[in-house]
Amino acid sequence: MRGAADSDHPRTQRGPLVRLLLWLAVAAALAVGAASRLFDTLPAPPASATVVPSVLYDRFGTPIAEVGPSVAHAPLGLEEMAPAFVDAVVAALDPDFLDGDGVDASAYARAFRSIVGISGTDAEADPAAVGLLRRYIETARQRDAYRRGASATAEARRLLMEMRVGRQLSRAEVLERYLNIVYLGRGAFGVHAAANAWFGVPAADLEIAQAAYLASLIEDPIGVDAPPGSTADPHRAARLARDRVLVAMYEQGYLIDTELAAGRAKPVTTGVAQPPSGSPAVGVDAAPAASTDAYGLIRLLAEDAGLATVVGTAYGELVDRYGPRSVVAGGLHVTTSIDLAAQQAAFAAASKAAALGYFADIAVLDRSGHVRVLVSVAPSGSSGTPESLPSLAARPLSDLLGPTTSPLRRIMVRASDAAGPADRADAAHIAEVFSVAATGGERRVRRIILFASETGEGGATRDDATVDRWPTERAEALTAAGVRSAVAMMEPFTLGAGAQALGRSAVAPATGDVWFAGWTAHFTAAVWVGISAPSASVEHAETARSLFEEVLSMLQYAELPR
């Protein structure tokens, strides 16, 4: 009877419950510790929200170009911004943002649904539904605010980042930093630059309609960097976007009836200034300019090097990999494969041809596929580019490739996919094609970028774990028979540095274009000389070869063992 009584004792009944609670407490402590350690592995929010230009270096660490915003950037405090602009952003993007702190419940719900595999609502899939906290974090990290189909791991990591930022910064601080780095069209990052770029006024002096217009650009800044709409109503999209922000401000109590009516009554072009000199002339008041860079401007740092072509190409590679925001405002340090000394020598050589009235393109690739030299020089006083001249509209390569090099023709078509038909390929494409035979039949896709880093100086000797090294793709391209066929058409000769080379020259009778392509033990190069007057072509057939020898002799000498 005593044993039965003991089993019914309250202390005995509480034993399993106490043990369960102890285990739960231990598990909670471990979870908190793990979360704390995970917090420590996440990058801290930036100390200040800034826009930093990126710097491009040659392969030896010499700065050659800077890529930055089109409009000067300066960080402002919220009190230095027009209240109407702050109200417009909050009303349009996250009306409850300033009412609390930390992470809101919707972020937890969104992360939980993603982690357990439950699809979110259509509203959550809409970038417009993303709160300002996440917008700031993703913009500061140079990423999209919301990525459709994000993985559960990525969503959980974003939530943890939001929790960390929410603990360290107040909502007002987050909003201030975000408004200092958000892209607002015309190459302007932040409200200070945008107010000057669009309206020519300080950010504190923005009127209600102007503030609403700038706030509307947050959702589609690239849209304003495009041509206006139809002739009948060219500014309809811009007007509707601005008016949606004005209505949101009214619904949130930031405007009264008369202010809403006055704002909507103003033409969307009211107060819009002409774009700054040298920046893309796009948006609600002008047609697009010739610039292909809607975000920023490129400033060349090395003189007498003809770097415009190479830096423009490098910019395209960087944008494809990192996105334009990181390139223009993320402060990347980019080491390119360009040899500045060789680039300057090639520019000087091409300028000699330009003095005779020729267009000259020179490209040199090393055996890894990296571009060491890329120069395009037009004759003084010429109007337009080679592609814009009717007599040079086509660049037939049949004489250069020869009838026995059908394998090279196939590579030419592949290499020219992104640049148009094979008969319009430039010198870089030709060098890439001939490098297939020079490397024994293996195609190395040409690249200009060696690596890029968010911190530190450039330079080929860097060994930094944060460096993003640029891979060189390789693909089998020619059979052994194809290589022999390509080599058979080449002529052997000796460069000034004493190195042996193989090369082939050709003249296109229809246009007077002169070509030369060839290789040495270290490099493949192509030279194209375009002559606007075909009648004066044949006597200058050796021009391309002489340019090839001048550039390759210098480069090859630098590579020879001392």
Protein backbone atom coordinates (compact mmCIF):
# COMPACT_ATOMS: atom_id res chain seq x y z
CA MET A 1 0.00 0.00 0.00
CA ARG A 2 2.90 2.35 0.66
CA GLY A 3 4.17 1.96 -2.92
CA ALA A 4 0.75 2.87 -4.34
CA ALA A 5 0.54 5.91 -2.11
CA ASP A 6 4.01 7.07 -3.22
CA SER A 7 3.04 6.87 -6.89
CA ASP A 8 0.11 9.20 -6.27
CA HIS A 9 2.23 11.76 -4.42
CA PRO A 10 2.25 15.22 -6.17
CA ARG A 11 6.04 15.39 -5.97
CA THR A 12 6.30 12.10 -7.85
CA GLN A 13 3.87 13.32 -10.54
CA ARG A 14 5.83 16.54 -11.03
CA GLY A 15 9.11 14.72 -11.71
CA PRO A 16 8.70 14.13 -15.48
CA LEU A 17 7.27 17.61 -15.95
CA VAL A 18 10.25 19.18 -14.18
CA ARG A 19 12.68 17.18 -16.30
CA LEU A 20 10.83 18.23 -19.47
CA LEU A 21 11.00 21.87 -18.45
CA LEU A 22 14.69 21.54 -17.71
CA TRP A 23 15.32 20.02 -21.12
CA LEU A 24 13.30 22.78 -22.77
CA ALA A 25 15.31 25.39 -20.87
CA VAL A 26 18.57 23.78 -21.98
CA ALA A 27 17.35 23.62 -25.60
CA ALA A 28 16.28 27.26 -25.47
CA ALA A 29 19.66 28.26 -24.07
CA LEU A 30 21.43 26.35 -26.83
CA ALA A 31 19.17 27.94 -29.46
CA VAL A 32 19.85 31.40 -28.09
CA GLY A 33 23.58 30.69 -28.06
CA ALA A 34 23.48 29.38 -31.64
CA ALA A 35 21.46 32.38 -32.78
CA SER A 36 23.91 34.70 -31.04
CA ARG A 37 26.84 33.02 -32.80
CA LEU A 38 24.98 33.25 -36.10
CA PHE A 39 24.38 36.94 -35.46
CA ASP A 40 28.11 37.35 -34.99
CA THR A 41 28.79 35.76 -38.40
CA LEU A 42 26.50 38.19 -40.21
CA PRO A 43 28.06 41.39 -41.54
CA ALA A 44 27.22 44.38 -39.41
CA PRO A 45 25.22 47.20 -41.01
CA PRO A 46 27.46 49.84 -42.54
CA ALA A 47 28.58 52.54 -40.12
CA SER A 48 27.30 55.16 -42.55
CA ALA A 49 25.30 54.92 -45.73
CA THR A 50 27.58 56.14 -48.51
CA VAL A 51 28.04 55.94 -52.25
CA VAL A 52 31.62 55.10 -53.23
CA PRO A 53 32.89 55.05 -56.84
CA SER A 54 34.67 51.95 -58.11
CA VAL A 55 38.29 52.06 -59.28
CA LEU A 56 39.73 50.00 -62.14
CA TYR A 57 43.44 49.11 -62.14
CA ASP A 58 45.71 47.62 -64.75
CA ARG A 59 47.24 44.19 -64.08
CA PHE A 60 50.09 45.74 -62.12
CA GLY A 61 47.96 47.91 -59.82
CA THR A 62 48.08 51.26 -61.65
CA PRO A 63 44.69 53.09 -61.53
CA ILE A 64 43.29 53.48 -65.04
CA ALA A 65 39.65 54.54 -64.53
CA GLU A 66 37.01 55.46 -61.97
CA VAL A 67 33.31 54.66 -62.30
CA GLY A 68 30.99 56.75 -60.16
CA PRO A 69 27.58 58.42 -60.07
CA SER A 70 26.69 61.02 -62.68
CA VAL A 71 25.70 63.50 -59.96
CA ALA A 72 27.73 64.41 -56.88
CA HIS A 73 26.57 62.54 -53.77
CA ALA A 74 26.39 63.91 -50.22
CA PRO A 75 24.72 62.28 -47.20
CA LEU A 76 22.01 64.27 -45.41
CA GLY A 77 20.21 63.97 -42.11
CA LEU A 78 16.42 63.55 -42.13
CA GLU A 79 16.10 67.11 -40.85
CA GLU A 80 17.93 68.32 -43.99
CA MET A 81 15.43 66.64 -46.30
CA ALA A 82 12.09 68.15 -47.23
CA PRO A 83 9.45 66.69 -44.88
CA ALA A 84 7.23 66.13 -47.92
CA PHE A 85 9.83 63.77 -49.40
CA VAL A 86 10.19 61.75 -46.20
CA ASP A 87 6.40 61.55 -45.90
CA ALA A 88 6.06 60.53 -49.56
CA VAL A 89 8.52 57.64 -49.23
CA VAL A 90 6.96 56.32 -46.03
CA ALA A 91 3.39 56.67 -47.33
CA ALA A 92 4.15 54.96 -50.63
CA LEU A 93 6.39 52.14 -49.43
CA ASP A 94 5.78 51.35 -45.75
CA PRO A 95 3.11 53.46 -43.99
CA ASP A 96 3.65 51.87 -40.55
CA PHE A 97 7.45 51.94 -40.69
CA LEU A 98 8.04 54.78 -38.22
CA ASP A 99 5.45 53.52 -35.73
CA GLY A 100 7.67 50.84 -34.18
CA ASP A 101 11.14 49.38 -33.93
CA GLY A 102 12.82 46.09 -34.73
CA VAL A 103 11.32 43.62 -37.20
CA ASP A 104 7.60 43.67 -37.89
CA ALA A 105 5.39 40.58 -37.66
CA SER A 106 4.95 40.29 -41.44
CA ALA A 107 8.68 39.63 -41.84
CA TYR A 108 8.52 36.77 -39.35
CA ALA A 109 5.46 35.35 -41.10
CA ARG A 110 7.08 35.61 -44.53
CA ALA A 111 10.26 33.90 -43.31
CA PHE A 112 8.28 31.12 -41.59
CA ARG A 113 6.24 30.41 -44.73
CA SER A 114 9.42 30.28 -46.81
CA ILE A 115 11.24 28.03 -44.34
CA VAL A 116 8.38 25.49 -44.11
CA GLY A 117 7.76 25.62 -47.86
CA ILE A 118 4.45 27.49 -47.89
CA SER A 119 4.04 29.93 -50.75
CA GLY A 120 3.44 33.53 -49.85
CA THR A 121 0.63 35.72 -51.12
CA ASP A 122 0.72 37.60 -54.40
CA ALA A 123 1.20 40.80 -52.43
CA GLU A 124 4.34 39.42 -50.78
CA ALA A 125 5.73 38.46 -54.20
CA ASP A 126 5.36 42.07 -55.26
CA PRO A 127 8.51 44.16 -54.69
CA ALA A 128 6.23 47.04 -53.66
CA ALA A 129 5.20 45.03 -50.59
CA VAL A 130 8.72 44.84 -49.18
CA GLY A 131 9.24 46.98 -46.10
CA LEU A 132 11.74 49.80 -45.79
CA LEU A 133 13.95 47.85 -43.38
CA ARG A 134 14.62 45.13 -45.93
CA ARG A 135 14.93 47.66 -48.72
CA TYR A 136 17.69 49.41 -46.81
CA ILE A 137 19.57 46.21 -46.02
CA GLU A 138 19.44 44.85 -49.56
CA THR A 139 20.28 48.22 -51.12
CA ALA A 140 23.26 48.63 -48.78
CA ARG A 141 24.38 45.14 -49.82
CA GLN A 142 23.94 46.11 -53.51
CA ARG A 143 21.16 43.57 -54.06
CA ASP A 144 17.52 43.48 -55.09
CA ALA A 145 15.06 44.19 -52.30
CA TYR A 146 13.08 41.04 -53.05
CA ARG A 147 13.89 38.02 -55.18
CA ARG A 148 11.00 35.91 -56.32
CA GLY A 149 11.47 32.26 -55.41
CA ALA A 150 14.11 32.90 -52.74
CA SER A 151 15.32 29.80 -50.89
CA ALA A 152 14.33 29.10 -47.30
CA THR A 153 17.96 29.51 -46.19
CA ALA A 154 18.26 32.89 -47.91
CA GLU A 155 14.97 34.04 -46.41
CA ALA A 156 16.04 32.99 -42.91
CA ARG A 157 19.36 34.78 -43.34
CA ARG A 158 17.58 37.96 -44.46
CA LEU A 159 15.33 37.77 -41.40
CA LEU A 160 18.33 37.43 -39.11
CA MET A 161 19.96 40.41 -40.79
CA GLU A 162 16.77 42.42 -40.28
CA MET A 163 16.77 41.43 -36.62
CA ARG A 164 20.37 42.55 -36.21
CA VAL A 165 19.83 45.89 -37.94
CA GLY A 166 16.55 46.39 -36.08
CA ARG A 167 18.40 45.97 -32.78
CA GLN A 168 21.26 48.33 -33.68
CA LEU A 169 19.47 51.15 -35.51
CA SER A 170 16.28 53.05 -34.90
CA ARG A 171 13.69 53.20 -37.66
CA ALA A 172 14.53 56.87 -38.25
CA GLU A 173 18.23 55.99 -38.69
CA VAL A 174 17.36 53.21 -41.15
CA LEU A 175 15.15 55.58 -43.16
CA GLU A 176 17.82 58.28 -43.20
CA ARG A 177 20.48 55.88 -44.45
CA TYR A 178 18.19 54.40 -47.07
CA LEU A 179 17.24 57.79 -48.50
CA ASN A 180 20.95 58.60 -48.82
CA ILE A 181 21.78 55.58 -51.01
CA VAL A 182 18.64 54.71 -52.97
CA TYR A 183 18.94 55.16 -56.74
CA LEU A 184 16.56 57.80 -58.14
CA GLY A 185 17.42 57.98 -61.84
CA ARG A 186 19.73 60.24 -63.84
CA GLY A 187 22.77 58.65 -62.22
CA ALA A 188 21.73 60.11 -58.84
CA PHE A 189 22.12 58.10 -55.64
CA GLY A 190 20.37 59.60 -52.63
CA VAL A 191 17.97 62.51 -52.26
CA HIS A 192 20.69 65.19 -52.28
CA ALA A 193 21.90 64.17 -55.74
CA ALA A 194 18.39 63.48 -57.05
CA ALA A 195 16.98 66.86 -55.99
CA ASN A 196 19.83 68.58 -57.81
CA ALA A 197 19.72 66.30 -60.86
CA TRP A 198 15.97 66.55 -61.42
CA PHE A 199 14.97 69.96 -60.09
CA GLY A 200 18.16 71.90 -59.45
CA VAL A 201 17.23 72.59 -55.83
CA PRO A 202 18.53 71.46 -52.40
CA ALA A 203 16.77 68.43 -50.96
CA ALA A 204 15.25 70.63 -48.25
CA ASP A 205 13.42 72.76 -50.87
CA LEU A 206 11.52 70.01 -52.68
CA GLU A 207 7.85 70.86 -53.19
CA ILE A 208 5.10 68.32 -52.58
CA ALA A 209 4.68 67.31 -56.24
CA GLN A 210 8.44 67.11 -56.73
CA ALA A 211 8.84 65.01 -53.60
CA ALA A 212 6.12 62.63 -54.76
CA TYR A 213 7.75 62.31 -58.17
CA LEU A 214 11.14 61.41 -56.67
CA ALA A 215 9.51 58.92 -54.30
CA SER A 216 7.79 57.27 -57.27
CA LEU A 217 11.17 56.62 -58.88
CA ILE A 218 12.20 54.21 -56.12
CA GLU A 219 10.02 51.46 -57.59
CA ASP A 220 11.23 51.93 -61.17
CA PRO A 221 14.38 54.07 -61.40
CA ILE A 222 15.44 52.36 -64.62
CA GLY A 223 12.11 53.32 -66.17
CA VAL A 224 13.05 57.00 -66.07
CA ASP A 225 16.39 56.17 -67.68
CA ALA A 226 14.48 55.18 -70.80
CA PRO A 227 12.82 57.14 -73.64
CA PRO A 228 9.56 58.95 -72.85
CA GLY A 229 6.20 57.48 -73.82
CA SER A 230 4.00 58.05 -76.85
CA THR A 231 3.80 61.40 -78.60
CA ALA A 232 0.16 61.83 -77.56
CA ASP A 233 0.94 61.58 -73.84
CA PRO A 234 4.71 61.13 -73.38
CA HIS A 235 4.67 61.58 -69.61
CA ARG A 236 1.63 59.47 -68.74
CA ALA A 237 3.54 56.73 -66.87
CA ALA A 238 5.53 59.28 -64.86
CA ARG A 239 2.39 61.28 -64.02
CA LEU A 240 0.44 58.21 -62.90
CA ALA A 241 3.31 57.02 -60.71
CA ARG A 242 3.62 60.44 -59.07
CA ASP A 243 -0.14 60.69 -58.53
CA ARG A 244 -0.21 57.26 -56.86
CA VAL A 245 2.28 58.58 -54.30
CA LEU A 246 0.22 61.74 -53.78
CA VAL A 247 -2.91 59.65 -53.15
CA ALA A 248 -1.01 57.46 -50.69
CA MET A 249 0.16 60.60 -48.84
CA TYR A 250 -3.45 61.83 -48.70
CA GLU A 251 -4.74 58.47 -47.43
CA GLN A 252 -2.10 58.42 -44.70
CA GLY A 253 -3.01 61.92 -43.55
CA TYR A 254 0.10 63.72 -44.83
CA LEU A 255 -1.92 65.90 -47.27
CA ILE A 256 -5.27 67.66 -47.15
CA ASP A 257 -7.75 67.86 -50.03
CA THR A 258 -6.42 71.09 -51.50
CA GLU A 259 -2.78 69.93 -51.41
CA LEU A 260 -3.69 66.69 -53.18
CA ALA A 261 -5.61 68.53 -55.88
CA ALA A 262 -2.85 71.11 -56.38
CA GLY A 263 -0.19 68.42 -56.66
CA ARG A 264 -2.11 66.35 -59.20
CA ALA A 265 -2.94 69.44 -61.25
CA LYS A 266 0.73 70.23 -61.92
CA PRO A 267 2.29 68.85 -65.10
CA VAL A 268 4.85 66.20 -64.24
CA THR A 269 7.52 68.26 -66.02
CA THR A 270 7.02 71.27 -63.72
CA GLY A 271 10.36 72.28 -62.29
CA VAL A 272 12.29 69.51 -64.05
CA ALA A 273 15.72 70.85 -64.99
CA GLN A 274 17.94 69.84 -67.88
CA PRO A 275 20.23 66.93 -67.03
CA PRO A 276 23.74 67.75 -65.81
CA SER A 277 26.36 68.06 -68.52
CA GLY A 278 27.79 64.70 -69.48
CA SER A 279 25.07 62.62 -67.83
CA PRO A 280 22.36 60.63 -69.61
CA ALA A 281 19.65 62.98 -70.93
CA VAL A 282 16.69 60.78 -70.12
CA GLY A 283 13.47 60.88 -68.18
CA VAL A 284 10.37 62.97 -68.48
CA ASP A 285 11.88 65.88 -70.35
CA ALA A 286 14.35 64.62 -72.94
CA ALA A 287 15.25 61.83 -75.32
CA PRO A 288 17.97 59.37 -74.32
CA ALA A 289 21.55 60.48 -74.87
CA ALA A 290 24.25 58.44 -76.55
CA SER A 291 25.57 57.22 -73.21
CA THR A 292 24.84 53.56 -72.55
CA ASP A 293 25.42 53.99 -68.82
CA ALA A 294 22.26 55.16 -67.09
CA TYR A 295 23.77 54.97 -63.61
CA GLY A 296 27.07 56.81 -63.72
CA LEU A 297 30.02 58.18 -65.57
CA ILE A 298 33.45 56.80 -66.34
CA ARG A 299 36.48 58.99 -65.63
CA LEU A 300 39.71 57.86 -67.26
CA LEU A 301 42.78 58.27 -65.05
CA ALA A 302 45.58 57.29 -67.46
CA GLU A 303 46.48 59.62 -70.32
CA ASP A 304 47.45 58.72 -73.89
CA ALA A 305 46.19 55.16 -73.55
CA GLY A 306 42.94 55.05 -75.55
CA LEU A 307 41.18 53.38 -72.64
CA ALA A 308 37.60 54.34 -73.52
CA THR A 309 36.98 51.10 -75.44
CA VAL A 310 38.59 48.79 -72.91
CA VAL A 311 37.00 50.42 -69.86
CA GLY A 312 33.58 50.41 -71.53
CA THR A 313 33.97 46.69 -72.21
CA ALA A 314 35.18 46.06 -68.65
CA TYR A 315 32.19 48.01 -67.32
CA GLY A 316 29.87 45.70 -69.27
CA GLU A 317 31.52 42.61 -67.80
CA LEU A 318 31.27 44.00 -64.28
CA VAL A 319 27.61 44.97 -64.66
CA ASP A 320 26.76 41.50 -65.95
CA ARG A 321 28.36 39.95 -62.88
CA TYR A 322 27.63 42.39 -60.05
CA GLY A 323 24.87 44.68 -61.31
CA PRO A 324 25.23 48.39 -62.12
CA ARG A 325 24.60 49.59 -58.57
CA SER A 326 27.61 47.72 -57.18
CA VAL A 327 29.82 48.94 -60.01
CA VAL A 328 28.84 52.62 -59.77
CA ALA A 329 28.23 53.04 -56.04
CA GLY A 330 29.67 49.98 -54.30
CA GLY A 331 33.32 50.99 -54.16
CA LEU A 332 34.68 47.94 -55.97
CA HIS A 333 38.43 47.65 -56.52
CA VAL A 334 38.80 45.94 -59.88
CA THR A 335 42.03 44.57 -61.29
CA THR A 336 41.85 44.21 -65.05
CA SER A 337 44.05 42.18 -67.36
CA ILE A 338 45.16 45.31 -69.24
CA ASP A 339 48.88 46.02 -69.46
CA LEU A 340 48.94 49.83 -69.31
CA ALA A 341 52.39 50.19 -70.88
CA ALA A 342 51.41 47.93 -73.78
CA GLN A 343 48.06 49.70 -74.07
CA GLN A 344 49.81 53.06 -74.36
CA ALA A 345 52.23 51.66 -76.98
CA ALA A 346 49.33 50.23 -79.00
CA PHE A 347 47.48 53.53 -78.78
CA ALA A 348 50.53 55.38 -80.07
CA ALA A 349 50.86 52.89 -82.95
CA ALA A 350 47.17 53.12 -83.84
CA SER A 351 47.40 56.91 -83.73
CA LYS A 352 50.01 56.73 -86.50
CA ALA A 353 47.47 54.98 -88.70
CA ALA A 354 44.83 57.50 -87.68
CA ALA A 355 47.15 60.30 -88.81
CA LEU A 356 46.96 58.78 -92.31
CA GLY A 357 43.16 58.85 -92.19
CA TYR A 358 42.57 55.23 -91.11
CA PHE A 359 40.44 53.70 -88.41
CA ALA A 360 42.48 51.24 -86.36
CA ASP A 361 41.45 48.45 -83.98
CA ILE A 362 44.09 46.45 -82.11
CA ALA A 363 43.41 43.59 -79.69
CA VAL A 364 45.96 41.37 -77.91
CA LEU A 365 44.94 38.29 -75.88
CA ASP A 366 47.25 36.18 -73.76
CA ARG A 367 47.03 32.41 -73.62
CA SER A 368 44.58 32.43 -70.70
CA GLY A 369 42.07 34.44 -72.73
CA HIS A 370 42.66 37.70 -70.86
CA VAL A 371 42.69 40.87 -72.94
CA ARG A 372 46.04 42.62 -72.55
CA VAL A 373 45.45 45.40 -75.13
CA LEU A 374 42.23 46.78 -76.60
CA VAL A 375 42.49 49.95 -78.65
CA SER A 376 40.18 51.65 -81.16
CA VAL A 377 41.35 54.92 -82.71
CA ALA A 378 39.53 57.09 -85.26
CA PRO A 379 41.28 59.58 -87.54
CA SER A 380 41.31 63.18 -86.42
CA GLY A 381 38.30 65.13 -87.61
CA SER A 382 36.28 62.04 -88.51
CA SER A 383 32.59 62.05 -87.71
CA GLY A 384 31.15 58.88 -86.29
CA THR A 385 32.56 55.41 -85.78
CA PRO A 386 33.62 52.83 -88.35
CA GLU A 387 30.21 51.16 -88.07
CA SER A 388 28.48 54.44 -88.98
CA LEU A 389 30.33 54.91 -92.27
CA PRO A 390 28.47 53.40 -95.26
CA SER A 391 31.68 52.22 -96.95
CA LEU A 392 32.65 50.31 -93.81
CA ALA A 393 29.22 48.92 -92.95
CA ALA A 394 30.44 45.37 -93.66
CA ARG A 395 33.79 43.88 -92.71
CA PRO A 396 34.12 40.75 -94.85
CA LEU A 397 36.57 38.25 -93.41
CA SER A 398 36.60 35.67 -96.20
CA ASP A 399 40.08 36.70 -97.39
CA LEU A 400 41.45 36.62 -93.86
CA LEU A 401 39.94 33.30 -92.83
CA GLY A 402 40.62 31.62 -96.16
CA PRO A 403 38.68 28.87 -97.92
CA THR A 404 40.34 26.05 -95.94
CA THR A 405 39.47 27.31 -92.48
CA SER A 406 35.84 26.32 -92.11
CA PRO A 407 36.51 25.30 -88.45
CA LEU A 408 37.54 28.89 -87.71
CA ARG A 409 34.43 30.13 -89.45
CA ARG A 410 32.28 28.12 -87.06
CA ILE A 411 34.16 29.58 -84.10
CA MET A 412 33.75 33.04 -85.60
CA VAL A 413 29.99 32.64 -85.65
CA ARG A 414 29.97 31.44 -82.04
CA ALA A 415 32.29 34.21 -80.85
CA SER A 416 30.19 36.84 -82.63
CA ASP A 417 26.79 35.75 -81.32
CA ALA A 418 26.54 38.70 -78.93
CA ALA A 419 28.01 41.25 -81.32
CA GLY A 420 26.12 40.52 -84.54
CA PRO A 421 27.03 38.69 -87.73
CA ALA A 422 30.49 37.21 -88.10
CA ASP A 423 31.42 39.59 -90.91
CA ARG A 424 31.07 42.54 -88.51
CA ALA A 425 33.43 41.24 -85.85
CA ASP A 426 35.99 43.64 -84.43
CA ALA A 427 39.66 42.96 -83.71
CA ALA A 428 38.90 41.41 -80.31
CA HIS A 429 36.62 38.85 -81.92
CA ILE A 430 39.23 38.05 -84.56
CA ALA A 431 41.91 37.57 -81.90
CA GLU A 432 39.59 35.26 -79.98
CA VAL A 433 38.94 33.18 -83.10
CA PHE A 434 42.61 32.83 -84.03
CA SER A 435 43.53 32.04 -80.41
CA VAL A 436 41.66 28.76 -80.85
CA ALA A 437 44.30 27.53 -83.28
CA ALA A 438 47.12 29.16 -81.28
CA THR A 439 46.19 27.17 -78.17
CA GLY A 440 45.91 23.86 -79.96
CA GLY A 441 42.18 23.90 -80.53
CA GLU A 442 40.85 24.97 -77.12
CA ARG A 443 38.83 28.16 -76.96
CA ARG A 444 39.53 30.55 -74.09
CA VAL A 445 36.66 33.01 -73.84
CA ARG A 446 38.16 36.49 -73.71
CA ARG A 447 37.86 38.45 -70.48
CA ILE A 448 39.14 41.81 -69.27
CA ILE A 449 38.50 41.37 -65.54
CA LEU A 450 40.99 39.44 -63.43
CA PHE A 451 39.25 39.94 -60.08
CA ALA A 452 37.27 42.43 -58.04
CA SER A 453 37.13 43.15 -54.33
CA GLU A 454 34.97 45.34 -52.13
CA THR A 455 37.95 46.32 -49.98
CA GLY A 456 41.62 47.09 -50.41
CA GLU A 457 43.69 48.29 -53.32
CA GLY A 458 43.90 46.66 -56.72
CA GLY A 459 46.95 44.85 -57.98
CA ALA A 460 47.78 41.50 -59.48
CA THR A 461 49.71 40.39 -56.39
CA ARG A 462 46.74 40.55 -53.98
CA ASP A 463 45.81 37.33 -52.19
CA ASP A 464 42.66 38.27 -50.33
CA ALA A 465 39.95 35.82 -49.28
CA THR A 466 37.30 38.40 -50.18
CA VAL A 467 38.54 38.67 -53.75
CA ASP A 468 36.11 37.45 -56.37
CA ARG A 469 38.36 35.87 -58.96
CA TRP A 470 37.10 35.97 -62.51
CA PRO A 471 36.94 32.53 -64.14
CA THR A 472 38.03 31.93 -67.71
CA GLU A 473 35.64 29.59 -69.47
CA ARG A 474 37.18 26.95 -71.70
CA ALA A 475 35.51 24.82 -74.33
CA GLU A 476 36.85 22.40 -76.91
CA ALA A 477 36.62 24.15 -80.24
CA LEU A 478 38.79 22.58 -82.97
CA THR A 479 39.86 19.07 -83.85
CA ALA A 480 43.50 18.31 -84.55
CA ALA A 481 42.74 18.42 -88.26
CA GLY A 482 41.11 21.81 -87.81
CA VAL A 483 44.16 23.13 -86.00
CA ARG A 484 46.46 21.87 -88.77
CA SER A 485 44.21 23.51 -91.35
CA ALA A 486 44.33 26.83 -89.53
CA VAL A 487 48.09 26.72 -89.01
CA ALA A 488 48.69 25.82 -92.66
CA MET A 489 47.37 29.18 -93.81
CA MET A 490 49.73 31.13 -91.53
CA GLU A 491 53.05 32.62 -92.56
CA PRO A 492 56.06 32.30 -90.17
CA PHE A 493 58.20 35.36 -89.44
CA THR A 494 60.42 36.84 -86.71
CA LEU A 495 59.48 39.76 -84.51
CA GLY A 496 61.87 42.54 -83.59
CA ALA A 497 62.36 41.00 -80.14
CA GLY A 498 63.63 37.82 -81.78
CA ALA A 499 60.47 35.83 -81.07
CA GLN A 500 58.96 33.57 -83.70
CA ALA A 501 55.45 34.32 -84.86
CA LEU A 502 52.79 33.06 -87.26
CA GLY A 503 50.44 35.45 -89.01
CA ARG A 504 48.12 36.12 -91.92
CA SER A 505 47.20 39.37 -93.65
CA ALA A 506 44.38 40.19 -96.03
CA VAL A 507 42.75 43.05 -97.86
CA ALA A 508 39.01 43.30 -98.48
CA PRO A 509 38.78 44.79 -102.00
CA ALA A 510 35.18 45.97 -101.62
CA THR A 511 35.93 48.25 -98.69
CA GLY A 512 39.70 48.58 -98.59
CA ASP A 513 39.83 47.14 -95.07
CA VAL A 514 43.21 45.70 -94.10
CA TRP A 515 43.50 42.81 -91.66
CA PHE A 516 46.32 41.04 -89.88
CA ALA A 517 45.96 38.26 -87.29
CA GLY A 518 48.57 36.01 -85.75
CA TRP A 519 50.21 34.65 -82.65
CA THR A 520 53.44 34.09 -80.74
CA ALA A 521 54.27 31.72 -77.91
CA HIS A 522 52.49 34.02 -75.45
CA PHE A 523 49.94 36.13 -77.32
CA THR A 524 47.30 36.16 -80.02
CA ALA A 525 46.60 39.51 -81.68
CA ALA A 526 44.49 41.00 -84.44
CA VAL A 527 44.70 44.35 -86.18
CA TRP A 528 42.03 45.86 -88.38
CA VAL A 529 42.61 49.04 -90.38
CA GLY A 530 39.53 50.60 -91.92
CA ILE A 531 39.95 52.96 -94.86
CA SER A 532 37.05 55.26 -95.67
CA ALA A 533 38.21 55.63 -99.30
CA PRO A 534 38.47 52.11 -100.84
CA SER A 535 40.42 53.37 -103.83
CA ALA A 536 43.41 54.10 -101.59
CA SER A 537 43.67 50.65 -100.03
CA VAL A 538 45.96 48.12 -101.67
CA GLU A 539 49.15 50.14 -101.40
CA HIS A 540 48.66 50.23 -97.63
CA ALA A 541 48.15 46.48 -97.20
CA GLU A 542 51.18 46.21 -94.91
CA THR A 543 49.87 48.81 -92.47
CA ALA A 544 48.06 46.26 -90.32
CA ARG A 545 51.09 43.93 -90.22
CA SER A 546 53.43 46.74 -89.19
CA LEU A 547 51.09 47.67 -86.32
CA PHE A 548 50.96 44.02 -85.26
CA GLU A 549 54.74 43.74 -85.23
CA GLU A 550 55.21 47.00 -83.34
CA VAL A 551 52.85 46.06 -80.53
CA LEU A 552 53.74 42.37 -80.30
CA SER A 553 57.48 43.02 -80.34
CA MET A 554 57.17 45.21 -77.26
CA LEU A 555 54.85 42.80 -75.44
CA GLN A 556 56.83 39.71 -76.40
CA TYR A 557 60.08 41.30 -75.26
CA ALA A 558 58.54 41.93 -71.86
CA GLU A 559 57.62 38.24 -71.60
CA LEU A 560 61.00 36.82 -72.69
CA PRO A 561 63.27 35.47 -69.91
CA ARG A 562 65.96 37.96 -68.88
